[in-house]
Amino acid sequence: MGTTGRGVDGEVIASSEHADCMENVPEQPRWLEGIKGEHGTRLIESDRRVIKVLAGPGAGKTTCLKRRVLRLVDTARVKRAQIFAS
């Protein structure tokens, strides 16, 4: 017996009916959890050595930079001692 939920338009969706749809959905890396928008994702996933972020208050600059550091360390491409953020 599968679980049920409601879709965007309120229709009832049973997980067993749509299990095949979820099989091929790649799991999102932890550094992208909660990041909204293409700009934040591009900043975090960028391979540039130096990044300058200009945005207004509450835009998510600090969150994106912290997630970028997390990605660099998690993927073992950079040692923590090699990162400078100001």
Protein backbone atom coordinates (compact mmCIF):
# COMPACT_ATOMS: atom_id res chain seq x y z
CA MET A 1 0.00 0.00 0.00
CA GLY A 2 1.48 3.35 -1.05
CA THR A 3 1.20 6.71 0.58
CA THR A 4 -1.01 9.42 -0.84
CA GLY A 5 -0.68 13.16 -1.15
CA ARG A 6 -2.13 16.08 -3.05
CA GLY A 7 -0.78 17.54 -6.26
CA VAL A 8 -0.56 21.20 -7.19
CA ASP A 9 -4.18 21.35 -8.38
CA GLY A 10 -5.45 19.35 -5.40
CA GLU A 11 -5.72 15.96 -7.10
CA VAL A 12 -4.91 12.95 -4.94
CA ILE A 13 -1.67 11.23 -5.90
CA ALA A 14 -0.71 7.77 -4.70
CA SER A 15 3.03 7.17 -4.53
CA SER A 16 2.70 3.62 -5.88
CA GLU A 17 1.14 5.02 -9.06
CA HIS A 18 4.02 7.43 -9.65
CA ALA A 19 6.95 5.44 -8.28
CA ASP A 20 8.43 5.01 -11.75
CA CYS A 21 8.57 8.80 -12.17
CA MET A 22 10.78 9.21 -9.09
CA GLU A 23 13.28 6.48 -9.98
CA ASN A 24 15.26 8.57 -12.45
CA VAL A 25 15.22 11.83 -10.48
CA PRO A 26 18.80 12.49 -9.36
CA GLU A 27 19.27 13.28 -5.70
CA GLN A 28 20.20 16.91 -5.20
CA PRO A 29 23.62 17.49 -3.64
CA ARG A 30 23.45 18.81 -0.08
CA TRP A 31 25.10 22.09 -1.06
CA LEU A 32 22.14 22.91 -3.35
CA GLU A 33 19.39 22.11 -0.83
CA GLY A 34 17.12 25.12 -0.42
CA ILE A 35 18.88 27.22 -3.07
CA LYS A 36 16.36 28.90 -5.33
CA GLY A 37 17.12 30.33 -8.70
CA GLU A 38 19.67 29.80 -11.39
CA HIS A 39 22.08 32.51 -10.19
CA GLY A 40 22.71 30.88 -6.81
CA THR A 41 23.19 27.47 -8.39
CA ARG A 42 25.62 28.88 -10.96
CA LEU A 43 27.62 30.64 -8.23
CA ILE A 44 27.91 27.49 -6.14
CA GLU A 45 28.77 25.23 -9.08
CA SER A 46 31.26 27.65 -10.68
CA ASP A 47 34.85 26.50 -11.15
CA ARG A 48 36.29 30.02 -11.15
CA ARG A 49 39.03 30.66 -8.63
CA VAL A 50 37.79 34.15 -7.65
CA ILE A 51 34.17 35.20 -7.39
CA LYS A 52 32.74 38.63 -6.61
CA VAL A 53 29.11 38.65 -5.51
CA LEU A 54 27.08 41.86 -5.69
CA ALA A 55 23.47 41.76 -4.54
CA GLY A 56 21.09 43.56 -2.23
CA PRO A 57 20.29 42.71 1.40
CA GLY A 58 18.62 39.36 1.94
CA ALA A 59 19.50 38.07 -1.53
CA GLY A 60 21.38 35.04 -0.19
CA LYS A 61 25.00 36.07 -0.80
CA THR A 62 26.35 34.55 2.43
CA THR A 63 24.36 31.34 2.00
CA CYS A 64 25.60 30.87 -1.56
CA LEU A 65 29.22 31.49 -0.57
CA LYS A 66 29.00 29.08 2.38
CA ARG A 67 27.46 26.44 0.10
CA ARG A 68 30.24 27.02 -2.46
CA VAL A 69 32.86 26.35 0.23
CA LEU A 70 30.92 23.23 1.28
CA ARG A 71 30.92 21.97 -2.32
CA LEU A 72 34.63 22.63 -2.78
CA VAL A 73 35.49 20.76 0.43
CA ASP A 74 32.98 17.91 -0.12
CA THR A 75 34.24 17.16 -3.59
CA ALA A 76 37.82 17.04 -2.17
CA ARG A 77 39.04 19.47 -4.77
CA VAL A 78 40.20 22.06 -2.24
CA LYS A 79 41.57 21.85 1.30
CA ARG A 80 39.92 24.06 3.91
CA ALA A 81 43.20 25.90 4.51
CA GLN A 82 43.24 26.96 0.85
CA ILE A 83 39.95 28.86 1.04
CA PHE A 84 39.74 32.57 1.78
CA ALA A 85 36.34 34.25 2.02
CA SER A 86 35.93 37.89 2.93
